[in-house]
Amino acid sequence: MLEYQAVKDEQRARIGFRDNLLYATLASMAAIIAVAVPSGERVPVLLLLPPVCVLLGWTYLVNDSNIWSTARPRTRRRTY
């Protein structure tokens, strides 16, 4: 029972982190756009959007995969 509780606590923590990644993505996009709008050179600054979104999106997907892996039997659990 203690192992089950530990797994559920880990799952809850990962879900909270995953949900906060959405807010981090939106905040980083807003910050990059806020810097790009007043500056005269918008293109170089706006080119930061794709790498930031890929990085945060990849982190979201890996975390989501780990959340779902806790529902699977231990023999198939993958961690990245």
PDB file of N, CA and C in Angstrom:
ATOM      1  N   MET A   1       0.823  -1.198   0.000  1.00  0.00           N
ATOM      2  CA  MET A   1       0.000   0.000   0.000  1.00  0.00           C
ATOM      3  C   MET A   1       0.872   1.269   0.000  1.00  0.00           C
ATOM      4  N   LEU A   2       2.007   1.192   0.690  1.00  0.00           N
ATOM      5  CA  LEU A   2       2.899   2.358   0.711  1.00  0.00           C
ATOM      6  C   LEU A   2       3.487   2.641  -0.671  1.00  0.00           C
ATOM      7  N   GLU A   3       3.800   1.583  -1.406  1.00  0.00           N
ATOM      8  CA  GLU A   3       4.329   1.772  -2.758  1.00  0.00           C
ATOM      9  C   GLU A   3       3.268   2.399  -3.667  1.00  0.00           C
ATOM     10  N   TYR A   4       2.046   1.960  -3.533  1.00  0.00           N
ATOM     11  CA  TYR A   4       0.950   2.533  -4.328  1.00  0.00           C
ATOM     12  C   TYR A   4       0.787   4.017  -4.012  1.00  0.00           C
ATOM     13  N   GLN A   5       0.845   4.361  -2.731  1.00  0.00           N
ATOM     14  CA  GLN A   5       0.703   5.770  -2.336  1.00  0.00           C
ATOM     15  C   GLN A   5       1.864   6.607  -2.882  1.00  0.00           C
ATOM     16  N   ALA A   6       3.074   6.037  -2.877  1.00  0.00           N
ATOM     17  CA  ALA A   6       4.229   6.761  -3.409  1.00  0.00           C
ATOM     18  C   ALA A   6       4.083   6.996  -4.911  1.00  0.00           C
ATOM     19  N   VAL A   7       3.582   5.989  -5.629  1.00  0.00           N
ATOM     20  CA  VAL A   7       3.385   6.131  -7.065  1.00  0.00           C
ATOM     21  C   VAL A   7       2.313   7.179  -7.350  1.00  0.00           C
ATOM     22  N   LYS A   8       1.233   7.174  -6.590  1.00  0.00           N
ATOM     23  CA  LYS A   8       0.175   8.174  -6.786  1.00  0.00           C
ATOM     24  C   LYS A   8       0.677   9.583  -6.470  1.00  0.00           C
ATOM     25  N   ASP A   9       1.507   9.718  -5.428  1.00  0.00           N
ATOM     26  CA  ASP A   9       2.068  11.033  -5.106  1.00  0.00           C
ATOM     27  C   ASP A   9       2.975  11.533  -6.228  1.00  0.00           C
ATOM     28  N   GLU A  10       3.782  10.620  -6.786  1.00  0.00           N
ATOM     29  CA  GLU A  10       4.633  10.991  -7.918  1.00  0.00           C
ATOM     30  C   GLU A  10       3.783  11.401  -9.111  1.00  0.00           C
ATOM     31  N   GLN A  11       2.698  10.672  -9.347  1.00  0.00           N
ATOM     32  CA  GLN A  11       1.822  10.982 -10.472  1.00  0.00           C
ATOM     33  C   GLN A  11       1.180  12.356 -10.284  1.00  0.00           C
ATOM     34  N   ARG A  12       0.727  12.662  -9.065  1.00  0.00           N
ATOM     35  CA  ARG A  12       0.132  13.979  -8.796  1.00  0.00           C
ATOM     36  C   ARG A  12       1.146  15.106  -9.016  1.00  0.00           C
ATOM     37  N   ALA A  13       2.383  14.883  -8.578  1.00  0.00           N
ATOM     38  CA  ALA A  13       3.426  15.903  -8.748  1.00  0.00           C
ATOM     39  C   ALA A  13       3.718  16.121 -10.231  1.00  0.00           C
ATOM     40  N   ARG A  14       3.776  15.037 -10.996  1.00  0.00           N
ATOM     41  CA  ARG A  14       4.031  15.170 -12.430  1.00  0.00           C
ATOM     42  C   ARG A  14       2.880  15.857 -13.151  1.00  0.00           C
ATOM     43  N   ILE A  15       1.665  15.580 -12.731  1.00  0.00           N
ATOM     44  CA  ILE A  15       0.501  16.246 -13.344  1.00  0.00           C
ATOM     45  C   ILE A  15       0.555  17.744 -13.070  1.00  0.00           C
ATOM     46  N   GLY A  16       0.898  18.124 -11.851  1.00  0.00           N
ATOM     47  CA  GLY A  16       1.026  19.544 -11.525  1.00  0.00           C
ATOM     48  C   GLY A  16       2.115  20.219 -12.346  1.00  0.00           C
ATOM     49  N   PHE A  17       3.254  19.533 -12.491  1.00  0.00           N
ATOM     50  CA  PHE A  17       4.351  20.082 -13.297  1.00  0.00           C
ATOM     51  C   PHE A  17       3.937  20.213 -14.755  1.00  0.00           C
ATOM     52  N   ARG A  18       3.247  19.189 -15.269  1.00  0.00           N
ATOM     53  CA  ARG A  18       2.788  19.208 -16.661  1.00  0.00           C
ATOM     54  C   ARG A  18       1.826  20.372 -16.898  1.00  0.00           C
ATOM     55  N   ASP A  19       0.900  20.586 -15.978  1.00  0.00           N
ATOM     56  CA  ASP A  19      -0.046  21.688 -16.126  1.00  0.00           C
ATOM     57  C   ASP A  19       0.659  23.037 -16.089  1.00  0.00           C
ATOM     58  N   ASN A  20       1.675  23.152 -15.259  1.00  0.00           N
ATOM     59  CA  ASN A  20       2.417  24.413 -15.190  1.00  0.00           C
ATOM     60  C   ASN A  20       3.251  24.656 -16.443  1.00  0.00           C
ATOM     61  N   LEU A  21       3.607  23.591 -17.165  1.00  0.00           N
ATOM     62  CA  LEU A  21       4.353  23.781 -18.411  1.00  0.00           C
ATOM     63  C   LEU A  21       3.530  24.526 -19.451  1.00  0.00           C
ATOM     64  N   LEU A  22       2.239  24.324 -19.448  1.00  0.00           N
ATOM     65  CA  LEU A  22       1.392  25.079 -20.378  1.00  0.00           C
ATOM     66  C   LEU A  22       1.472  26.571 -20.082  1.00  0.00           C
ATOM     67  N   TYR A  23       1.410  26.930 -18.809  1.00  0.00           N
ATOM     68  CA  TYR A  23       1.508  28.341 -18.430  1.00  0.00           C
ATOM     69  C   TYR A  23       2.898  28.889 -18.733  1.00  0.00           C
ATOM     70  N   ALA A  24       3.925  28.073 -18.543  1.00  0.00           N
ATOM     71  CA  ALA A  24       5.290  28.516 -18.849  1.00  0.00           C
ATOM     72  C   ALA A  24       5.453  28.772 -20.341  1.00  0.00           C
ATOM     73  N   THR A  25       4.845  27.927 -21.156  1.00  0.00           N
ATOM     74  CA  THR A  25       4.916  28.116 -22.605  1.00  0.00           C
ATOM     75  C   THR A  25       4.231  29.415 -23.015  1.00  0.00           C
ATOM     76  N   LEU A  26       3.036  29.634 -22.489  1.00  0.00           N
ATOM     77  CA  LEU A  26       2.324  30.876 -22.812  1.00  0.00           C
ATOM     78  C   LEU A  26       3.076  32.106 -22.313  1.00  0.00           C
ATOM     79  N   ALA A  27       3.640  32.028 -21.125  1.00  0.00           N
ATOM     80  CA  ALA A  27       4.386  33.163 -20.574  1.00  0.00           C
ATOM     81  C   ALA A  27       5.651  33.441 -21.383  1.00  0.00           C
ATOM     82  N   SER A  28       6.350  32.390 -21.799  1.00  0.00           N
ATOM     83  CA  SER A  28       7.564  32.614 -22.591  1.00  0.00           C
ATOM     84  C   SER A  28       7.233  33.187 -23.961  1.00  0.00           C
ATOM     85  N   MET A  29       6.137  32.722 -24.554  1.00  0.00           N
ATOM     86  CA  MET A  29       5.735  33.283 -25.842  1.00  0.00           C
ATOM     87  C   MET A  29       5.360  34.752 -25.695  1.00  0.00           C
ATOM     88  N   ALA A  30       4.630  35.076 -24.652  1.00  0.00           N
ATOM     89  CA  ALA A  30       4.249  36.470 -24.414  1.00  0.00           C
ATOM     90  C   ALA A  30       5.475  37.341 -24.160  1.00  0.00           C
ATOM     91  N   ALA A  31       6.451  36.815 -23.422  1.00  0.00           N
ATOM     92  CA  ALA A  31       7.661  37.588 -23.145  1.00  0.00           C
ATOM     93  C   ALA A  31       8.462  37.838 -24.420  1.00  0.00           C
ATOM     94  N   ILE A  32       8.588  36.827 -25.254  1.00  0.00           N
ATOM     95  CA  ILE A  32       9.337  36.996 -26.507  1.00  0.00           C
ATOM     96  C   ILE A  32       8.632  37.995 -27.418  1.00  0.00           C
ATOM     97  N   ILE A  33       7.323  37.904 -27.504  1.00  0.00           N
ATOM     98  CA  ILE A  33       6.565  38.843 -28.342  1.00  0.00           C
ATOM     99  C   ILE A  33       6.636  40.254 -27.758  1.00  0.00           C
ATOM    100  N   ALA A  34       6.591  40.367 -26.442  1.00  0.00           N
ATOM    101  CA  ALA A  34       6.687  41.684 -25.808  1.00  0.00           C
ATOM    102  C   ALA A  34       8.040  42.332 -26.069  1.00  0.00           C
ATOM    103  N   VAL A  35       9.086  41.542 -26.162  1.00  0.00           N
ATOM    104  CA  VAL A  35      10.407  42.091 -26.479  1.00  0.00           C
ATOM    105  C   VAL A  35      10.494  42.433 -27.961  1.00  0.00           C
ATOM    106  N   ALA A  36       9.845  41.642 -28.804  1.00  0.00           N
ATOM    107  CA  ALA A  36       9.956  41.841 -30.250  1.00  0.00           C
ATOM    108  C   ALA A  36       9.165  43.040 -30.744  1.00  0.00           C
ATOM    109  N   VAL A  37       8.033  43.335 -30.135  1.00  0.00           N
ATOM    110  CA  VAL A  37       7.163  44.401 -30.649  1.00  0.00           C
ATOM    111  C   VAL A  37       7.819  45.774 -30.574  1.00  0.00           C
ATOM    112  N   PRO A  38       8.372  46.200 -29.444  1.00  0.00           N
ATOM    113  CA  PRO A  38       8.950  47.555 -29.433  1.00  0.00           C
ATOM    114  C   PRO A  38      10.275  47.668 -30.185  1.00  0.00           C
ATOM    115  N   SER A  39      11.007  46.566 -30.319  1.00  0.00           N
ATOM    116  CA  SER A  39      12.306  46.659 -30.990  1.00  0.00           C
ATOM    117  C   SER A  39      12.116  46.752 -32.499  1.00  0.00           C
ATOM    118  N   GLY A  40      13.062  47.348 -33.146  1.00  0.00           N
ATOM    119  CA  GLY A  40      12.983  47.512 -34.591  1.00  0.00           C
ATOM    120  C   GLY A  40      13.264  46.215 -35.340  1.00  0.00           C
ATOM    121  N   GLU A  41      14.051  45.342 -34.741  1.00  0.00           N
ATOM    122  CA  GLU A  41      14.430  44.093 -35.384  1.00  0.00           C
ATOM    123  C   GLU A  41      13.584  42.963 -34.806  1.00  0.00           C
ATOM    124  N   ARG A  42      12.452  42.740 -35.383  1.00  0.00           N
ATOM    125  CA  ARG A  42      11.515  41.752 -34.858  1.00  0.00           C
ATOM    126  C   ARG A  42      11.869  40.327 -35.258  1.00  0.00           C
ATOM    127  N   VAL A  43      12.357  40.147 -36.452  1.00  0.00           N
ATOM    128  CA  VAL A  43      12.572  38.789 -36.975  1.00  0.00           C
ATOM    129  C   VAL A  43      13.560  37.987 -36.128  1.00  0.00           C
ATOM    130  N   PRO A  44      14.751  38.523 -35.786  1.00  0.00           N
ATOM    131  CA  PRO A  44      15.674  37.708 -34.978  1.00  0.00           C
ATOM    132  C   PRO A  44      15.091  37.309 -33.621  1.00  0.00           C
ATOM    133  N   VAL A  45      14.340  38.207 -33.022  1.00  0.00           N
ATOM    134  CA  VAL A  45      13.755  37.899 -31.717  1.00  0.00           C
ATOM    135  C   VAL A  45      12.627  36.877 -31.867  1.00  0.00           C
ATOM    136  N   LEU A  46      11.819  37.027 -32.897  1.00  0.00           N
ATOM    137  CA  LEU A  46      10.716  36.091 -33.110  1.00  0.00           C
ATOM    138  C   LEU A  46      11.204  34.699 -33.497  1.00  0.00           C
ATOM    139  N   LEU A  47      12.436  34.593 -33.981  1.00  0.00           N
ATOM    140  CA  LEU A  47      12.992  33.279 -34.298  1.00  0.00           C
ATOM    141  C   LEU A  47      13.281  32.458 -33.038  1.00  0.00           C
ATOM    142  N   LEU A  48      13.172  33.072 -31.877  1.00  0.00           N
ATOM    143  CA  LEU A  48      13.317  32.332 -30.617  1.00  0.00           C
ATOM    144  C   LEU A  48      12.065  31.520 -30.279  1.00  0.00           C
ATOM    145  N   LEU A  49      10.934  31.876 -30.858  1.00  0.00           N
ATOM    146  CA  LEU A  49       9.681  31.181 -30.539  1.00  0.00           C
ATOM    147  C   LEU A  49       9.710  29.679 -30.846  1.00  0.00           C
ATOM    148  N   PRO A  50      10.113  29.253 -32.043  1.00  0.00           N
ATOM    149  CA  PRO A  50      10.087  27.806 -32.317  1.00  0.00           C
ATOM    150  C   PRO A  50      10.966  26.971 -31.383  1.00  0.00           C
ATOM    151  N   PRO A  51      12.235  27.355 -31.117  1.00  0.00           N
ATOM    152  CA  PRO A  51      13.025  26.514 -30.216  1.00  0.00           C
ATOM    153  C   PRO A  51      12.463  26.460 -28.792  1.00  0.00           C
ATOM    154  N   VAL A  52      11.952  27.578 -28.316  1.00  0.00           N
ATOM    155  CA  VAL A  52      11.379  27.595 -26.970  1.00  0.00           C
ATOM    156  C   VAL A  52      10.148  26.699 -26.911  1.00  0.00           C
ATOM    157  N   CYS A  53       9.297  26.785 -27.919  1.00  0.00           N
ATOM    158  CA  CYS A  53       8.093  25.949 -27.949  1.00  0.00           C
ATOM    159  C   CYS A  53       8.435  24.466 -28.098  1.00  0.00           C
ATOM    160  N   VAL A  54       9.447  24.154 -28.895  1.00  0.00           N
ATOM    161  CA  VAL A  54       9.862  22.752 -29.046  1.00  0.00           C
ATOM    162  C   VAL A  54      10.414  22.217 -27.736  1.00  0.00           C
ATOM    163  N   LEU A  55      11.243  22.995 -27.072  1.00  0.00           N
ATOM    164  CA  LEU A  55      11.823  22.560 -25.805  1.00  0.00           C
ATOM    165  C   LEU A  55      10.751  22.316 -24.747  1.00  0.00           C
ATOM    166  N   LEU A  56       9.855  23.260 -24.577  1.00  0.00           N
ATOM    167  CA  LEU A  56       8.805  23.102 -23.578  1.00  0.00           C
ATOM    168  C   LEU A  56       7.794  22.039 -23.989  1.00  0.00           C
ATOM    169  N   GLY A  57       7.515  21.928 -25.273  1.00  0.00           N
ATOM    170  CA  GLY A  57       6.597  20.896 -25.751  1.00  0.00           C
ATOM    171  C   GLY A  57       7.171  19.507 -25.565  1.00  0.00           C
ATOM    172  N   TRP A  58       8.470  19.346 -25.836  1.00  0.00           N
ATOM    173  CA  TRP A  58       9.111  18.046 -25.638  1.00  0.00           C
ATOM    174  C   TRP A  58       9.092  17.665 -24.163  1.00  0.00           C
ATOM    175  N   THR A  59       9.362  18.618 -23.291  1.00  0.00           N
ATOM    176  CA  THR A  59       9.309  18.362 -21.850  1.00  0.00           C
ATOM    177  C   THR A  59       7.902  17.951 -21.436  1.00  0.00           C
ATOM    178  N   TYR A  60       6.901  18.594 -22.001  1.00  0.00           N
ATOM    179  CA  TYR A  60       5.510  18.245 -21.710  1.00  0.00           C
ATOM    180  C   TYR A  60       5.219  16.803 -22.126  1.00  0.00           C
ATOM    181  N   LEU A  61       5.636  16.429 -23.330  1.00  0.00           N
ATOM    182  CA  LEU A  61       5.360  15.083 -23.831  1.00  0.00           C
ATOM    183  C   LEU A  61       6.073  14.005 -23.021  1.00  0.00           C
ATOM    184  N   VAL A  62       7.319  14.245 -22.644  1.00  0.00           N
ATOM    185  CA  VAL A  62       8.045  13.268 -21.833  1.00  0.00           C
ATOM    186  C   VAL A  62       7.390  13.123 -20.469  1.00  0.00           C
ATOM    187  N   ASN A  63       7.001  14.233 -19.887  1.00  0.00           N
ATOM    188  CA  ASN A  63       6.339  14.180 -18.579  1.00  0.00           C
ATOM    189  C   ASN A  63       4.990  13.478 -18.700  1.00  0.00           C
ATOM    190  N   ASP A  64       4.247  13.742 -19.762  1.00  0.00           N
ATOM    191  CA  ASP A  64       2.962  13.087 -19.961  1.00  0.00           C
ATOM    192  C   ASP A  64       3.146  11.578 -20.148  1.00  0.00           C
ATOM    193  N   SER A  65       4.183  11.200 -20.857  1.00  0.00           N
ATOM    194  CA  SER A  65       4.481   9.778 -21.039  1.00  0.00           C
ATOM    195  C   SER A  65       4.792   9.111 -19.703  1.00  0.00           C
ATOM    196  N   ASN A  66       5.528   9.803 -18.850  1.00  0.00           N
ATOM    197  CA  ASN A  66       5.835   9.251 -17.528  1.00  0.00           C
ATOM    198  C   ASN A  66       4.591   9.168 -16.649  1.00  0.00           C
ATOM    199  N   ILE A  67       3.677  10.085 -16.808  1.00  0.00           N
ATOM    200  CA  ILE A  67       2.423  10.027 -16.044  1.00  0.00           C
ATOM    201  C   ILE A  67       1.638   8.796 -16.447  1.00  0.00           C
ATOM    202  N   TRP A  68       1.517   8.562 -17.749  1.00  0.00           N
ATOM    203  CA  TRP A  68       0.755   7.410 -18.219  1.00  0.00           C
ATOM    204  C   TRP A  68       1.453   6.097 -17.916  1.00  0.00           C
ATOM    205  N   SER A  69       2.781   6.137 -17.820  1.00  0.00           N
ATOM    206  CA  SER A  69       3.496   4.895 -17.541  1.00  0.00           C
ATOM    207  C   SER A  69       3.259   4.413 -16.109  1.00  0.00           C
ATOM    208  N   THR A  70       2.858   5.305 -15.214  1.00  0.00           N
ATOM    209  CA  THR A  70       2.572   4.864 -13.848  1.00  0.00           C
ATOM    210  C   THR A  70       1.299   4.034 -13.796  1.00  0.00           C
ATOM    211  N   ALA A  71       0.449   4.158 -14.807  1.00  0.00           N
ATOM    212  CA  ALA A  71      -0.778   3.359 -14.842  1.00  0.00           C
ATOM    213  C   ALA A  71      -0.516   1.964 -15.402  1.00  0.00           C
ATOM    214  N   ARG A  72       0.611   1.794 -16.086  1.00  0.00           N
ATOM    215  CA  ARG A  72       0.965   0.493 -16.657  1.00  0.00           C
ATOM    216  C   ARG A  72       1.648  -0.369 -15.601  1.00  0.00           C
ATOM    217  N   PRO A  73       1.713  -1.656 -15.844  1.00  0.00           N
ATOM    218  CA  PRO A  73       2.456  -2.533 -14.928  1.00  0.00           C
ATOM    219  C   PRO A  73       3.931  -2.142 -14.879  1.00  0.00           C
ATOM    220  N   ARG A  74       4.578  -2.446 -13.788  1.00  0.00           N
ATOM    221  CA  ARG A  74       5.978  -2.070 -13.578  1.00  0.00           C
ATOM    222  C   ARG A  74       6.919  -2.634 -14.643  1.00  0.00           C
ATOM    223  N   THR A  75       6.599  -3.748 -15.236  1.00  0.00           N
ATOM    224  CA  THR A  75       7.490  -4.356 -16.219  1.00  0.00           C
ATOM    225  C   THR A  75       7.602  -3.531 -17.486  1.00  0.00           C
ATOM    226  N   ARG A  76       6.594  -2.727 -17.788  1.00  0.00           N
ATOM    227  CA  ARG A  76       6.624  -1.920 -19.007  1.00  0.00           C
ATOM    228  C   ARG A  76       6.910  -0.458 -18.748  1.00  0.00           C
ATOM    229  N   ARG A  77       7.192  -0.054 -17.555  1.00  0.00           N
ATOM    230  CA  ARG A  77       7.369   1.358 -17.218  1.00  0.00           C
ATOM    231  C   ARG A  77       8.686   1.885 -17.811  1.00  0.00           C
ATOM    232  N   ARG A  78       8.568   3.004 -18.524  1.00  0.00           N
ATOM    233  CA  ARG A  78       9.741   3.652 -19.106  1.00  0.00           C
ATOM    234  C   ARG A  78       9.952   4.986 -18.436  1.00  0.00           C
ATOM    235  N   THR A  79      11.192   5.321 -18.178  1.00  0.00           N
ATOM    236  CA  THR A  79      11.529   6.654 -17.682  1.00  0.00           C
ATOM    237  C   THR A  79      12.577   7.240 -18.607  1.00  0.00           C
ATOM    238  N   TYR A  80      12.506   8.520 -18.804  1.00  0.00           N
ATOM    239  CA  TYR A  80      13.424   9.201 -19.702  1.00  0.00           C
ATOM    240  C   TYR A  80      14.410  10.006 -18.907  1.00  0.00           C
TER     241      TYR A  80
END
